[in-house]
Protein backbone atom coordinates (compact mmCIF):
# COMPACT_ATOMS: atom_id res chain seq x y z
CA MET A 1 110.39 105.61 116.00
CA GLY A 2 112.53 105.78 112.92
CA PHE A 3 113.24 104.33 109.52
CA LYS A 4 114.14 100.65 109.37
CA SER A 5 117.02 101.21 106.94
CA LEU A 6 118.50 103.61 104.44
CA PRO A 7 116.56 104.06 101.19
CA ASN A 8 116.87 101.03 98.91
CA GLU A 9 117.88 101.25 95.24
CA SER A 10 114.39 102.48 94.27
CA GLY A 11 114.36 105.17 96.98
CA THR A 12 111.95 103.37 99.32
CA ILE A 13 112.21 103.64 103.10
CA GLU A 14 109.99 102.11 105.76
CA LEU A 15 108.78 103.85 108.91
CA GLY A 16 108.69 101.76 112.07
CA TYR A 17 107.66 102.61 115.61
CA GLY A 18 106.45 101.47 118.97
CA ALA A 19 105.29 103.28 122.08
CA ASN A 20 105.71 102.62 125.76
CA PRO A 21 102.19 102.07 127.16
CA ALA A 22 102.69 104.90 129.65
CA TYR A 23 102.95 107.37 126.75
CA GLN A 24 100.29 106.03 124.41
CA GLY A 25 97.28 108.14 123.50
CA ARG A 26 99.03 111.48 123.94
CA GLY A 27 99.71 112.26 120.28
CA TYR A 28 103.47 111.71 120.47
CA ALA A 29 103.55 109.05 117.75
CA SER A 30 101.60 111.24 115.32
CA GLU A 31 103.85 114.24 115.97
CA ILE A 32 107.04 112.24 115.56
CA ALA A 33 105.75 110.43 112.46
CA LYS A 34 104.86 113.78 110.88
CA ALA A 35 108.32 115.18 111.65
CA LEU A 36 110.07 112.11 110.25
CA VAL A 37 107.96 112.12 107.08
CA ASP A 38 108.58 115.85 106.58
CA TRP A 39 112.32 115.27 106.97
CA ALA A 40 112.34 112.20 104.70
CA TRP A 41 110.73 114.06 101.80
CA THR A 42 113.60 116.58 101.91
CA GLN A 43 116.16 113.82 101.34
CA PRO A 44 117.28 113.51 97.72
CA ASN A 45 117.30 109.68 97.68
CA VAL A 46 113.77 109.20 99.12
CA ARG A 47 111.06 108.53 96.55
CA ARG A 48 108.63 106.39 98.56
CA ILE A 49 107.75 105.96 102.25
CA LEU A 50 106.06 102.77 103.46
CA ALA A 51 104.79 101.46 106.78
CA ASP A 52 102.77 98.46 107.95
CA CYS A 53 100.68 97.46 110.93
CA ARG A 54 98.36 94.73 112.09
CA PRO A 55 94.66 95.16 111.22
CA ASP A 56 93.74 95.06 114.92
CA ASN A 57 96.20 97.83 115.89
CA LEU A 58 93.74 100.70 115.85
CA ALA A 59 96.21 103.14 117.41
CA SER A 60 98.75 102.57 114.61
CA ILE A 61 96.05 102.83 111.98
CA TRP A 62 95.04 106.19 113.45
CA VAL A 63 98.66 107.43 113.50
CA LEU A 64 99.26 106.42 109.89
CA GLU A 65 95.98 107.90 108.63
CA LYS A 66 96.55 111.12 110.57
CA THR A 67 100.05 111.39 109.10
CA GLY A 68 98.79 111.04 105.53
CA PHE A 69 99.53 107.38 104.77
CA VAL A 70 97.05 105.50 102.60
CA ARG A 71 96.36 101.77 102.58
CA THR A 72 97.85 100.06 99.56
CA GLY A 73 97.30 96.39 100.35
CA THR A 74 98.22 93.61 102.74
CA ARG A 75 101.12 91.24 103.23
CA TRP A 76 101.89 88.24 105.40
CA ASP A 77 104.62 88.33 108.03
CA GLU A 78 105.77 85.08 109.66
CA GLU A 79 105.99 86.74 113.08
CA ASP A 80 103.02 89.15 113.05
CA GLY A 81 100.64 87.50 110.57
CA LYS A 82 98.51 89.65 108.27
CA LEU A 83 99.68 93.26 107.98
CA ILE A 84 98.15 96.28 106.29
CA VAL A 85 100.65 97.96 103.97
CA TRP A 86 100.62 101.76 103.87
CA GLU A 87 102.27 104.31 101.60
CA HIS A 88 102.80 107.98 102.28
CA ARG A 89 101.96 110.22 99.37
CA ARG A 90 102.93 113.85 99.41
CA LEU A 91 99.58 114.98 98.00
CA SER A 92 97.52 113.16 100.63
CA TYR A 93 99.79 114.53 103.35
CA ASN A 94 99.38 118.11 102.16
CA GLN A 95 95.62 117.64 102.21
CA VAL A 96 95.72 116.31 105.80
CA SER A 97 98.01 119.02 107.26
């Protein structure tokens, strides 16, 4: 789990992750996502945090919702097909914590 790159010129970063099947369902992804998001918001160049996942990836949807991301739309990826686009908003995160 980590950010796919440094913040771009508008201060946007994108969270990406995967989990070994042996460790899925134990809450590790949610804990790490929360820690990364907390850290990212302390960085002076970060103004927006995005993530995406497939609509059928219920585990990722749960992690993103639990971490305070909100759905903002969809996009098409040549490799993965339709993806849900998510954005982390500080207010929603504070309400979830």
